[in-house]
């Protein structure tokens, strides 16, 4: 991903066809050691292509992917119907956790700064 990001930075900076040295310079400026094989792969895949067109094609592909929104809607409907009982149970759990943490401090038998 870092190689694609460096390629895009170079392209957005005005370089229509970034080369290995351009990507390497960007990556090294932030302390990342560049891998030549990965850089060459990114350059070979993106060379001769307009970056804006590639991004637009990517948006089209992402739009066709399911995002799993139906699951979130269904789970939120269930949560809202059981919403009245949930706060009381959450408060009881918080109180239990506080009591346990106080007890665990007493069980050690010594203080950190004694």
PDB file of N, CA and C in Angstrom:
ATOM      1  N   UNK A   1       0.816  -1.178   0.000  1.00  0.00           N
ATOM      2  CA  UNK A   1       0.000   0.000   0.000  1.00  0.00           C
ATOM      3  C   UNK A   1       0.871   1.259   0.000  1.00  0.00           C
ATOM      4  N   UNK A   2       2.005   1.181   0.689  1.00  0.00           N
ATOM      5  CA  UNK A   2       2.870   2.358   0.763  1.00  0.00           C
ATOM      6  C   UNK A   2       3.440   2.719  -0.597  1.00  0.00           C
ATOM      7  N   UNK A   3       3.640   1.714  -1.436  1.00  0.00           N
ATOM      8  CA  UNK A   3       4.187   1.982  -2.764  1.00  0.00           C
ATOM      9  C   UNK A   3       3.147   2.659  -3.655  1.00  0.00           C
ATOM     10  N   UNK A   4       1.912   2.213  -3.532  1.00  0.00           N
ATOM     11  CA  UNK A   4       0.818   2.844  -4.278  1.00  0.00           C
ATOM     12  C   UNK A   4       0.628   4.276  -3.797  1.00  0.00           C
ATOM     13  N   UNK A   5       0.683   4.482  -2.484  1.00  0.00           N
ATOM     14  CA  UNK A   5       0.524   5.822  -1.931  1.00  0.00           C
ATOM     15  C   UNK A   5       1.639   6.743  -2.416  1.00  0.00           C
ATOM     16  N   UNK A   6       2.864   6.245  -2.434  1.00  0.00           N
ATOM     17  CA  UNK A   6       3.992   7.058  -2.904  1.00  0.00           C
ATOM     18  C   UNK A   6       3.842   7.365  -4.391  1.00  0.00           C
ATOM     19  N   UNK A   7       3.368   6.388  -5.163  1.00  0.00           N
ATOM     20  CA  UNK A   7       3.130   6.614  -6.592  1.00  0.00           C
ATOM     21  C   UNK A   7       2.080   7.697  -6.785  1.00  0.00           C
ATOM     22  N   UNK A   8       0.987   7.607  -6.012  1.00  0.00           N
ATOM     23  CA  UNK A   8      -0.077   8.600  -6.124  1.00  0.00           C
ATOM     24  C   UNK A   8       0.397   9.983  -5.697  1.00  0.00           C
ATOM     25  N   UNK A   9       1.219  10.059  -4.663  1.00  0.00           N
ATOM     26  CA  UNK A   9       1.765  11.345  -4.236  1.00  0.00           C
ATOM     27  C   UNK A   9       2.617  11.966  -5.343  1.00  0.00           C
ATOM     28  N   UNK A  10       3.429  11.151  -5.981  1.00  0.00           N
ATOM     29  CA  UNK A  10       4.268  11.659  -7.062  1.00  0.00           C
ATOM     30  C   UNK A  10       3.400  12.105  -8.242  1.00  0.00           C
ATOM     31  N   UNK A  11       2.371  11.319  -8.555  1.00  0.00           N
ATOM     32  CA  UNK A  11       1.492  11.667  -9.672  1.00  0.00           C
ATOM     33  C   UNK A  11       0.695  12.928  -9.379  1.00  0.00           C
ATOM     34  N   UNK A  12       0.196  13.050  -8.167  1.00  0.00           N
ATOM     35  CA  UNK A  12      -0.564  14.240  -7.801  1.00  0.00           C
ATOM     36  C   UNK A  12       0.328  15.472  -7.691  1.00  0.00           C
ATOM     37  N   UNK A  13       1.612  15.245  -7.478  1.00  0.00           N
ATOM     38  CA  UNK A  13       2.572  16.338  -7.410  1.00  0.00           C
ATOM     39  C   UNK A  13       2.975  16.857  -8.779  1.00  0.00           C
ATOM     40  N   UNK A  14       2.452  16.253  -9.830  1.00  0.00           N
ATOM     41  CA  UNK A  14       2.731  16.747 -11.175  1.00  0.00           C
ATOM     42  C   UNK A  14       3.553  15.807 -12.036  1.00  0.00           C
ATOM     43  N   UNK A  15       4.041  14.716 -11.491  1.00  0.00           N
ATOM     44  CA  UNK A  15       4.830  13.756 -12.260  1.00  0.00           C
ATOM     45  C   UNK A  15       3.862  12.753 -12.888  1.00  0.00           C
ATOM     46  N   UNK A  16       3.679  12.848 -14.216  1.00  0.00           N
ATOM     47  CA  UNK A  16       2.695  11.994 -14.897  1.00  0.00           C
ATOM     48  C   UNK A  16       3.084  10.525 -14.933  1.00  0.00           C
ATOM     49  N   UNK A  17       4.378  10.235 -14.907  1.00  0.00           N
ATOM     50  CA  UNK A  17       4.806   8.839 -14.904  1.00  0.00           C
ATOM     51  C   UNK A  17       5.972   8.666 -13.926  1.00  0.00           C
ATOM     52  N   UNK A  18       5.653   8.503 -12.646  1.00  0.00           N
ATOM     53  CA  UNK A  18       6.705   8.329 -11.636  1.00  0.00           C
ATOM     54  C   UNK A  18       7.539   7.073 -11.900  1.00  0.00           C
ATOM     55  N   UNK A  19       8.815   7.200 -11.637  1.00  0.00           N
ATOM     56  CA  UNK A  19       9.744   6.086 -11.802  1.00  0.00           C
ATOM     57  C   UNK A  19      10.187   5.586 -10.431  1.00  0.00           C
ATOM     58  N   UNK A  20      11.008   4.550 -10.425  1.00  0.00           N
ATOM     59  CA  UNK A  20      11.485   3.935  -9.190  1.00  0.00           C
ATOM     60  C   UNK A  20      12.179   4.956  -8.290  1.00  0.00           C
ATOM     61  N   UNK A  21      13.006   5.801  -8.870  1.00  0.00           N
ATOM     62  CA  UNK A  21      13.744   6.784  -8.066  1.00  0.00           C
ATOM     63  C   UNK A  21      12.803   7.770  -7.382  1.00  0.00           C
ATOM     64  N   UNK A  22      11.690   8.111  -8.048  1.00  0.00           N
ATOM     65  CA  UNK A  22      10.725   9.048  -7.468  1.00  0.00           C
ATOM     66  C   UNK A  22      10.026   8.433  -6.257  1.00  0.00           C
ATOM     67  N   UNK A  23       9.602   7.195  -6.413  1.00  0.00           N
ATOM     68  CA  UNK A  23       8.917   6.502  -5.322  1.00  0.00           C
ATOM     69  C   UNK A  23       9.883   6.266  -4.168  1.00  0.00           C
ATOM     70  N   UNK A  24      11.109   5.868  -4.498  1.00  0.00           N
ATOM     71  CA  UNK A  24      12.120   5.617  -3.471  1.00  0.00           C
ATOM     72  C   UNK A  24      12.419   6.888  -2.681  1.00  0.00           C
ATOM     73  N   UNK A  25      12.487   8.020  -3.360  1.00  0.00           N
ATOM     74  CA  UNK A  25      12.768   9.298  -2.707  1.00  0.00           C
ATOM     75  C   UNK A  25      11.648   9.652  -1.724  1.00  0.00           C
ATOM     76  N   UNK A  26      10.395   9.424  -2.128  1.00  0.00           N
ATOM     77  CA  UNK A  26       9.256   9.719  -1.248  1.00  0.00           C
ATOM     78  C   UNK A  26       9.273   8.806  -0.035  1.00  0.00           C
ATOM     79  N   UNK A  27       9.476   7.514  -0.241  1.00  0.00           N
ATOM     80  CA  UNK A  27       9.473   6.558   0.870  1.00  0.00           C
ATOM     81  C   UNK A  27      10.626   6.814   1.834  1.00  0.00           C
ATOM     82  N   UNK A  28      11.803   7.093   1.312  1.00  0.00           N
ATOM     83  CA  UNK A  28      12.956   7.342   2.177  1.00  0.00           C
ATOM     84  C   UNK A  28      12.826   8.645   2.955  1.00  0.00           C
ATOM     85  N   UNK A  29      12.033   9.586   2.437  1.00  0.00           N
ATOM     86  CA  UNK A  29      11.850  10.854   3.143  1.00  0.00           C
ATOM     87  C   UNK A  29      11.075  10.670   4.445  1.00  0.00           C
ATOM     88  N   UNK A  30      10.333   9.556   4.551  1.00  0.00           N
ATOM     89  CA  UNK A  30       9.600   9.265   5.788  1.00  0.00           C
ATOM     90  C   UNK A  30      10.177   8.057   6.520  1.00  0.00           C
ATOM     91  N   UNK A  31      11.366   7.628   6.127  1.00  0.00           N
ATOM     92  CA  UNK A  31      12.061   6.576   6.852  1.00  0.00           C
ATOM     93  C   UNK A  31      11.669   5.156   6.486  1.00  0.00           C
ATOM     94  N   UNK A  32      11.127   4.945   5.296  1.00  0.00           N
ATOM     95  CA  UNK A  32      10.734   3.599   4.872  1.00  0.00           C
ATOM     96  C   UNK A  32      11.745   3.088   3.860  1.00  0.00           C
ATOM     97  N   UNK A  33      12.248   1.881   4.117  1.00  0.00           N
ATOM     98  CA  UNK A  33      13.179   1.265   3.187  1.00  0.00           C
ATOM     99  C   UNK A  33      12.385   0.655   2.039  1.00  0.00           C
ATOM    100  N   UNK A  34      12.742   0.983   0.822  1.00  0.00           N
ATOM    101  CA  UNK A  34      11.977   0.573  -0.353  1.00  0.00           C
ATOM    102  C   UNK A  34      12.412  -0.802  -0.842  1.00  0.00           C
ATOM    103  N   UNK A  35      11.434  -1.604  -1.243  1.00  0.00           N
ATOM    104  CA  UNK A  35      11.673  -2.917  -1.839  1.00  0.00           C
ATOM    105  C   UNK A  35      11.523  -2.763  -3.353  1.00  0.00           C
ATOM    106  N   UNK A  36      12.596  -3.026  -4.085  1.00  0.00           N
ATOM    107  CA  UNK A  36      12.598  -2.788  -5.529  1.00  0.00           C
ATOM    108  C   UNK A  36      11.577  -3.629  -6.279  1.00  0.00           C
ATOM    109  N   UNK A  37      11.362  -4.868  -5.872  1.00  0.00           N
ATOM    110  CA  UNK A  37      10.408  -5.719  -6.601  1.00  0.00           C
ATOM    111  C   UNK A  37       8.979  -5.200  -6.458  1.00  0.00           C
ATOM    112  N   UNK A  38       8.634  -4.736  -5.283  1.00  0.00           N
ATOM    113  CA  UNK A  38       7.279  -4.198  -5.086  1.00  0.00           C
ATOM    114  C   UNK A  38       7.096  -2.886  -5.830  1.00  0.00           C
ATOM    115  N   UNK A  39       8.136  -2.060  -5.821  1.00  0.00           N
ATOM    116  CA  UNK A  39       8.052  -0.791  -6.562  1.00  0.00           C
ATOM    117  C   UNK A  39       7.868  -1.050  -8.048  1.00  0.00           C
ATOM    118  N   UNK A  40       8.623  -1.988  -8.572  1.00  0.00           N
ATOM    119  CA  UNK A  40       8.517  -2.315  -9.998  1.00  0.00           C
ATOM    120  C   UNK A  40       7.125  -2.849 -10.344  1.00  0.00           C
ATOM    121  N   UNK A  41       6.541  -3.627  -9.447  1.00  0.00           N
ATOM    122  CA  UNK A  41       5.192  -4.161  -9.675  1.00  0.00           C
ATOM    123  C   UNK A  41       4.175  -3.022  -9.765  1.00  0.00           C
ATOM    124  N   UNK A  42       4.250  -2.069  -8.835  1.00  0.00           N
ATOM    125  CA  UNK A  42       3.325  -0.930  -8.844  1.00  0.00           C
ATOM    126  C   UNK A  42       3.523  -0.104 -10.105  1.00  0.00           C
ATOM    127  N   UNK A  43       4.771   0.159 -10.452  1.00  0.00           N
ATOM    128  CA  UNK A  43       5.054   0.975 -11.633  1.00  0.00           C
ATOM    129  C   UNK A  43       4.571   0.274 -12.897  1.00  0.00           C
ATOM    130  N   UNK A  44       4.803  -1.034 -12.996  1.00  0.00           N
ATOM    131  CA  UNK A  44       4.372  -1.749 -14.203  1.00  0.00           C
ATOM    132  C   UNK A  44       2.845  -1.786 -14.323  1.00  0.00           C
ATOM    133  N   UNK A  45       2.149  -1.880 -13.208  1.00  0.00           N
ATOM    134  CA  UNK A  45       0.684  -1.916 -13.238  1.00  0.00           C
ATOM    135  C   UNK A  45       0.077  -0.550 -13.562  1.00  0.00           C
ATOM    136  N   UNK A  46       0.718   0.524 -13.128  1.00  0.00           N
ATOM    137  CA  UNK A  46       0.140   1.849 -13.285  1.00  0.00           C
ATOM    138  C   UNK A  46       0.755   2.677 -14.415  1.00  0.00           C
ATOM    139  N   UNK A  47       1.830   2.195 -15.011  1.00  0.00           N
ATOM    140  CA  UNK A  47       2.478   2.992 -16.052  1.00  0.00           C
ATOM    141  C   UNK A  47       1.559   3.137 -17.270  1.00  0.00           C
ATOM    142  N   UNK A  48       1.523   4.350 -17.792  1.00  0.00           N
ATOM    143  CA  UNK A  48       0.702   4.636 -18.960  1.00  0.00           C
ATOM    144  C   UNK A  48      -0.767   4.864 -18.653  1.00  0.00           C
ATOM    145  N   UNK A  49      -1.135   4.827 -17.384  1.00  0.00           N
ATOM    146  CA  UNK A  49      -2.531   5.021 -17.012  1.00  0.00           C
ATOM    147  C   UNK A  49      -2.689   6.364 -16.307  1.00  0.00           C
ATOM    148  N   UNK A  50      -3.840   6.954 -16.489  1.00  0.00           N
ATOM    149  CA  UNK A  50      -4.173   8.194 -15.812  1.00  0.00           C
ATOM    150  C   UNK A  50      -4.640   7.840 -14.398  1.00  0.00           C
ATOM    151  N   UNK A  51      -4.022   8.436 -13.395  1.00  0.00           N
ATOM    152  CA  UNK A  51      -4.320   8.114 -11.997  1.00  0.00           C
ATOM    153  C   UNK A  51      -5.781   8.398 -11.671  1.00  0.00           C
ATOM    154  N   UNK A  52      -6.308   9.492 -12.179  1.00  0.00           N
ATOM    155  CA  UNK A  52      -7.712   9.827 -11.904  1.00  0.00           C
ATOM    156  C   UNK A  52      -8.668   8.777 -12.479  1.00  0.00           C
ATOM    157  N   UNK A  53      -8.345   8.247 -13.654  1.00  0.00           N
ATOM    158  CA  UNK A  53      -9.186   7.205 -14.253  1.00  0.00           C
ATOM    159  C   UNK A  53      -9.113   5.908 -13.446  1.00  0.00           C
ATOM    160  N   UNK A  54      -7.934   5.574 -12.952  1.00  0.00           N
ATOM    161  CA  UNK A  54      -7.766   4.367 -12.139  1.00  0.00           C
ATOM    162  C   UNK A  54      -8.584   4.483 -10.856  1.00  0.00           C
ATOM    163  N   UNK A  55      -8.554   5.653 -10.231  1.00  0.00           N
ATOM    164  CA  UNK A  55      -9.327   5.870  -9.005  1.00  0.00           C
ATOM    165  C   UNK A  55     -10.821   5.781  -9.301  1.00  0.00           C
ATOM    166  N   UNK A  56     -11.263   6.359 -10.415  1.00  0.00           N
ATOM    167  CA  UNK A  56     -12.673   6.303 -10.792  1.00  0.00           C
ATOM    168  C   UNK A  56     -13.117   4.862 -11.035  1.00  0.00           C
ATOM    169  N   UNK A  57     -12.292   4.068 -11.690  1.00  0.00           N
ATOM    170  CA  UNK A  57     -12.609   2.649 -11.903  1.00  0.00           C
ATOM    171  C   UNK A  57     -12.692   1.910 -10.572  1.00  0.00           C
ATOM    172  N   UNK A  58     -11.822   2.265  -9.646  1.00  0.00           N
ATOM    173  CA  UNK A  58     -11.838   1.632  -8.325  1.00  0.00           C
ATOM    174  C   UNK A  58     -13.111   1.944  -7.570  1.00  0.00           C
ATOM    175  N   UNK A  59     -13.592   3.175  -7.668  1.00  0.00           N
ATOM    176  CA  UNK A  59     -14.858   3.539  -7.024  1.00  0.00           C
ATOM    177  C   UNK A  59     -15.998   2.701  -7.580  1.00  0.00           C
ATOM    178  N   UNK A  60     -15.986   2.480  -8.885  1.00  0.00           N
ATOM    179  CA  UNK A  60     -17.028   1.664  -9.504  1.00  0.00           C
ATOM    180  C   UNK A  60     -17.004   0.231  -8.991  1.00  0.00           C
ATOM    181  N   UNK A  61     -15.823  -0.313  -8.799  1.00  0.00           N
ATOM    182  CA  UNK A  61     -15.701  -1.675  -8.284  1.00  0.00           C
ATOM    183  C   UNK A  61     -16.146  -1.751  -6.823  1.00  0.00           C
ATOM    184  N   UNK A  62     -15.803  -0.739  -6.035  1.00  0.00           N
ATOM    185  CA  UNK A  62     -16.210  -0.731  -4.628  1.00  0.00           C
ATOM    186  C   UNK A  62     -17.724  -0.594  -4.476  1.00  0.00           C
ATOM    187  N   UNK A  63     -18.349   0.137  -5.382  1.00  0.00           N
ATOM    188  CA  UNK A  63     -19.795   0.335  -5.306  1.00  0.00           C
ATOM    189  C   UNK A  63     -20.552  -0.966  -5.532  1.00  0.00           C
ATOM    190  N   UNK A  64     -19.970  -1.885  -6.287  1.00  0.00           N
ATOM    191  CA  UNK A  64     -20.652  -3.145  -6.573  1.00  0.00           C
ATOM    192  C   UNK A  64     -20.459  -4.187  -5.474  1.00  0.00           C
ATOM    193  N   UNK A  65     -19.602  -3.911  -4.500  1.00  0.00           N
ATOM    194  CA  UNK A  65     -19.360  -4.859  -3.420  1.00  0.00           C
ATOM    195  C   UNK A  65     -20.396  -4.695  -2.316  1.00  0.00           C
ATOM    196  N   UNK A  66     -20.873  -5.799  -1.756  1.00  0.00           N
ATOM    197  CA  UNK A  66     -21.801  -5.668  -0.620  1.00  0.00           C
ATOM    198  C   UNK A  66     -21.043  -5.166   0.604  1.00  0.00           C
ATOM    199  N   UNK A  67     -21.708  -4.303   1.360  1.00  0.00           N
ATOM    200  CA  UNK A  67     -21.045  -3.696   2.513  1.00  0.00           C
ATOM    201  C   UNK A  67     -21.511  -4.298   3.831  1.00  0.00           C
ATOM    202  N   UNK A  68     -22.468  -5.187   3.810  1.00  0.00           N
ATOM    203  CA  UNK A  68     -22.943  -5.815   5.037  1.00  0.00           C
ATOM    204  C   UNK A  68     -23.836  -4.917   5.856  1.00  0.00           C
ATOM    205  N   UNK A  69     -24.459  -3.943   5.240  1.00  0.00           N
ATOM    206  CA  UNK A  69     -25.321  -3.015   5.960  1.00  0.00           C
ATOM    207  C   UNK A  69     -26.561  -3.674   6.539  1.00  0.00           C
ATOM    208  N   UNK A  70     -27.063  -4.727   5.910  1.00  0.00           N
ATOM    209  CA  UNK A  70     -28.275  -5.390   6.392  1.00  0.00           C
ATOM    210  C   UNK A  70     -28.045  -6.023   7.753  1.00  0.00           C
ATOM    211  N   UNK A  71     -26.869  -6.536   7.982  1.00  0.00           N
ATOM    212  CA  UNK A  71     -26.561  -7.142   9.266  1.00  0.00           C
ATOM    213  C   UNK A  71     -26.566  -6.093  10.364  1.00  0.00           C
ATOM    214  N   UNK A  72     -25.991  -4.944  10.080  1.00  0.00           N
ATOM    215  CA  UNK A  72     -25.946  -3.878  11.076  1.00  0.00           C
ATOM    216  C   UNK A  72     -27.340  -3.367  11.396  1.00  0.00           C
ATOM    217  N   UNK A  73     -28.200  -3.277  10.388  1.00  0.00           N
ATOM    218  CA  UNK A  73     -29.567  -2.814  10.614  1.00  0.00           C
ATOM    219  C   UNK A  73     -30.327  -3.824  11.460  1.00  0.00           C
ATOM    220  N   UNK A  74     -30.179  -5.100  11.146  1.00  0.00           N
ATOM    221  CA  UNK A  74     -30.881  -6.132  11.898  1.00  0.00           C
ATOM    222  C   UNK A  74     -30.408  -6.181  13.343  1.00  0.00           C
ATOM    223  N   UNK A  75     -29.118  -6.067  13.563  1.00  0.00           N
ATOM    224  CA  UNK A  75     -28.609  -6.135  14.927  1.00  0.00           C
ATOM    225  C   UNK A  75     -28.997  -4.895  15.724  1.00  0.00           C
ATOM    226  N   UNK A  76     -29.086  -3.741  15.072  1.00  0.00           N
ATOM    227  CA  UNK A  76     -29.495  -2.548  15.806  1.00  0.00           C
ATOM    228  C   UNK A  76     -30.964  -2.601  16.159  1.00  0.00           C
ATOM    229  N   UNK A  77     -31.786  -3.247  15.350  1.00  0.00           N
ATOM    230  CA  UNK A  77     -33.205  -3.385  15.669  1.00  0.00           C
ATOM    231  C   UNK A  77     -33.385  -4.283  16.883  1.00  0.00           C
ATOM    232  N   UNK A  78     -32.622  -5.352  16.952  1.00  0.00           N
ATOM    233  CA  UNK A  78     -32.693  -6.247  18.103  1.00  0.00           C
ATOM    234  C   UNK A  78     -32.205  -5.537  19.353  1.00  0.00           C
ATOM    235  N   UNK A  79     -31.130  -4.772  19.209  1.00  0.00           N
ATOM    236  CA  UNK A  79     -30.576  -4.062  20.353  1.00  0.00           C
ATOM    237  C   UNK A  79     -31.545  -3.011  20.873  1.00  0.00           C
ATOM    238  N   UNK A  80     -32.267  -2.359  19.980  1.00  0.00           N
ATOM    239  CA  UNK A  80     -33.192  -1.326  20.443  1.00  0.00           C
ATOM    240  C   UNK A  80     -34.396  -1.936  21.143  1.00  0.00           C
ATOM    241  N   UNK A  81     -34.806  -3.140  20.762  1.00  0.00           N
ATOM    242  CA  UNK A  81     -35.930  -3.764  21.442  1.00  0.00           C
ATOM    243  C   UNK A  81     -35.534  -4.258  22.831  1.00  0.00           C
ATOM    244  N   UNK A  82     -34.291  -4.618  23.015  1.00  0.00           N
ATOM    245  CA  UNK A  82     -33.817  -5.061  24.317  1.00  0.00           C
ATOM    246  C   UNK A  82     -33.103  -3.937  25.042  1.00  0.00           C
ATOM    247  N   UNK A  83     -33.250  -2.739  24.575  1.00  0.00           N
ATOM    248  CA  UNK A  83     -32.530  -1.591  25.095  1.00  0.00           C
ATOM    249  C   UNK A  83     -32.838  -1.269  26.537  1.00  0.00           C
ATOM    250  N   UNK A  84     -34.032  -1.528  27.007  1.00  0.00           N
ATOM    251  CA  UNK A  84     -34.397  -1.180  28.377  1.00  0.00           C
ATOM    252  C   UNK A  84     -33.655  -2.033  29.391  1.00  0.00           C
ATOM    253  N   UNK A  85     -33.447  -3.288  29.101  1.00  0.00           N
ATOM    254  CA  UNK A  85     -32.788  -4.185  30.042  1.00  0.00           C
ATOM    255  C   UNK A  85     -31.270  -4.024  30.004  1.00  0.00           C
ATOM    256  N   UNK A  86     -30.732  -3.570  28.904  1.00  0.00           N
ATOM    257  CA  UNK A  86     -29.287  -3.480  28.743  1.00  0.00           C
ATOM    258  C   UNK A  86     -28.619  -2.497  29.705  1.00  0.00           C
ATOM    259  N   UNK A  87     -29.137  -1.291  29.929  1.00  0.00           N
ATOM    260  CA  UNK A  87     -28.436  -0.371  30.835  1.00  0.00           C
ATOM    261  C   UNK A  87     -28.329  -0.892  32.265  1.00  0.00           C
ATOM    262  N   UNK A  88     -29.374  -1.559  32.752  1.00  0.00           N
ATOM    263  CA  UNK A  88     -29.324  -2.086  34.111  1.00  0.00           C
ATOM    264  C   UNK A  88     -28.257  -3.167  34.231  1.00  0.00           C
ATOM    265  N   UNK A  89     -28.175  -4.023  33.244  1.00  0.00           N
ATOM    266  CA  UNK A  89     -27.171  -5.089  33.266  1.00  0.00           C
ATOM    267  C   UNK A  89     -25.766  -4.500  33.172  1.00  0.00           C
ATOM    268  N   UNK A  90     -25.599  -3.449  32.376  1.00  0.00           N
ATOM    269  CA  UNK A  90     -24.289  -2.824  32.229  1.00  0.00           C
ATOM    270  C   UNK A  90     -23.838  -2.192  33.544  1.00  0.00           C
ATOM    271  N   UNK A  91     -24.766  -1.568  34.272  1.00  0.00           N
ATOM    272  CA  UNK A  91     -24.415  -0.957  35.547  1.00  0.00           C
ATOM    273  C   UNK A  91     -23.978  -2.010  36.557  1.00  0.00           C
ATOM    274  N   UNK A  92     -24.668  -3.153  36.582  1.00  0.00           N
ATOM    275  CA  UNK A  92     -24.299  -4.221  37.507  1.00  0.00           C
ATOM    276  C   UNK A  92     -22.906  -4.745  37.195  1.00  0.00           C
ATOM    277  N   UNK A  93     -22.579  -4.890  35.927  1.00  0.00           N
ATOM    278  CA  UNK A  93     -21.261  -5.384  35.538  1.00  0.00           C
ATOM    279  C   UNK A  93     -20.172  -4.401  35.957  1.00  0.00           C
ATOM    280  N   UNK A  94     -20.426  -3.101  35.796  1.00  0.00           N
ATOM    281  CA  UNK A  94     -19.440  -2.107  36.188  1.00  0.00           C
ATOM    282  C   UNK A  94     -19.167  -2.162  37.680  1.00  0.00           C
ATOM    283  N   UNK A  95     -20.223  -2.314  38.475  1.00  0.00           N
ATOM    284  CA  UNK A  95     -20.057  -2.384  39.922  1.00  0.00           C
ATOM    285  C   UNK A  95     -19.267  -3.621  40.311  1.00  0.00           C
ATOM    286  N   UNK A  96     -19.539  -4.751  39.641  1.00  0.00           N
ATOM    287  CA  UNK A  96     -18.808  -5.978  39.944  1.00  0.00           C
ATOM    288  C   UNK A  96     -17.329  -5.814  39.616  1.00  0.00           C
ATOM    289  N   UNK A  97     -17.017  -5.160  38.499  1.00  0.00           N
ATOM    290  CA  UNK A  97     -15.625  -4.972  38.108  1.00  0.00           C
ATOM    291  C   UNK A  97     -14.896  -4.100  39.119  1.00  0.00           C
ATOM    292  N   UNK A  98     -15.544  -3.068  39.627  1.00  0.00           N
ATOM    293  CA  UNK A  98     -14.919  -2.208  40.626  1.00  0.00           C
ATOM    294  C   UNK A  98     -14.594  -2.994  41.877  1.00  0.00           C
ATOM    295  N   UNK A  99     -15.533  -3.817  42.341  1.00  0.00           N
ATOM    296  CA  UNK A  99     -15.312  -4.611  43.549  1.00  0.00           C
ATOM    297  C   UNK A  99     -14.168  -5.587  43.348  1.00  0.00           C
ATOM    298  N   UNK A 100     -14.107  -6.229  42.195  1.00  0.00           N
ATOM    299  CA  UNK A 100     -13.041  -7.186  41.926  1.00  0.00           C
ATOM    300  C   UNK A 100     -11.683  -6.502  41.923  1.00  0.00           C
ATOM    301  N   UNK A 101     -11.589  -5.332  41.321  1.00  0.00           N
ATOM    302  CA  UNK A 101     -10.298  -4.663  41.256  1.00  0.00           C
ATOM    303  C   UNK A 101      -9.826  -4.228  42.636  1.00  0.00           C
ATOM    304  N   UNK A 102     -10.745  -3.827  43.519  1.00  0.00           N
ATOM    305  CA  UNK A 102     -10.363  -3.452  44.874  1.00  0.00           C
ATOM    306  C   UNK A 102      -9.885  -4.669  45.648  1.00  0.00           C
ATOM    307  N   UNK A 103     -10.539  -5.799  45.464  1.00  0.00           N
ATOM    308  CA  UNK A 103     -10.141  -7.024  46.154  1.00  0.00           C
ATOM    309  C   UNK A 103      -8.780  -7.498  45.674  1.00  0.00           C
ATOM    310  N   UNK A 104      -8.527  -7.394  44.381  1.00  0.00           N
ATOM    311  CA  UNK A 104      -7.255  -7.885  43.862  1.00  0.00           C
ATOM    312  C   UNK A 104      -6.089  -7.061  44.406  1.00  0.00           C
ATOM    313  N   UNK A 105      -6.305  -5.775  44.708  1.00  0.00           N
ATOM    314  CA  UNK A 105      -5.250  -4.966  45.304  1.00  0.00           C
ATOM    315  C   UNK A 105      -4.933  -5.443  46.719  1.00  0.00           C
ATOM    316  N   UNK A 106      -5.949  -5.843  47.493  1.00  0.00           N
ATOM    317  CA  UNK A 106      -5.742  -6.297  48.859  1.00  0.00           C
ATOM    318  C   UNK A 106      -5.051  -7.651  48.906  1.00  0.00           C
ATOM    319  N   UNK A 107      -5.236  -8.477  47.917  1.00  0.00           N
ATOM    320  CA  UNK A 107      -4.688  -9.826  47.917  1.00  0.00           C
ATOM    321  C   UNK A 107      -3.175  -9.852  47.741  1.00  0.00           C
ATOM    322  N   UNK A 108      -2.588  -8.808  47.264  1.00  0.00           N
ATOM    323  CA  UNK A 108      -1.155  -8.828  46.995  1.00  0.00           C
ATOM    324  C   UNK A 108      -0.334  -8.823  48.275  1.00  0.00           C
ATOM    325  N   UNK A 109      -0.842  -8.242  49.336  1.00  0.00           N
ATOM    326  CA  UNK A 109      -0.149  -8.296  50.600  1.00  0.00           C
ATOM    327  C   UNK A 109       0.946  -7.280  50.793  1.00  0.00           C
ATOM    328  N   UNK A 110       1.250  -6.494  49.799  1.00  0.00           N
ATOM    329  CA  UNK A 110       2.256  -5.437  49.949  1.00  0.00           C
ATOM    330  C   UNK A 110       1.916  -4.305  48.985  1.00  0.00           C
ATOM    331  N   UNK A 111       2.428  -3.145  49.282  1.00  0.00           N
ATOM    332  CA  UNK A 111       2.202  -1.988  48.412  1.00  0.00           C
ATOM    333  C   UNK A 111       3.420  -1.763  47.538  1.00  0.00           C
ATOM    334  N   UNK A 112       3.221  -1.116  46.476  1.00  0.00           N
ATOM    335  CA  UNK A 112       4.293  -0.879  45.536  1.00  0.00           C
ATOM    336  C   UNK A 112       5.360   0.049  46.108  1.00  0.00           C
ATOM    337  N   UNK A 113       4.958   1.007  46.937  1.00  0.00           N
ATOM    338  CA  UNK A 113       5.897   1.981  47.464  1.00  0.00           C
ATOM    339  C   UNK A 113       6.145   1.810  48.961  1.00  0.00           C
ATOM    340  N   UNK A 114       5.850   0.647  49.544  1.00  0.00           N
ATOM    341  CA  UNK A 114       6.077   0.399  50.985  1.00  0.00           C
ATOM    342  C   UNK A 114       7.553   0.143  51.250  1.00  0.00           C
TER     343      UNK A 114
END
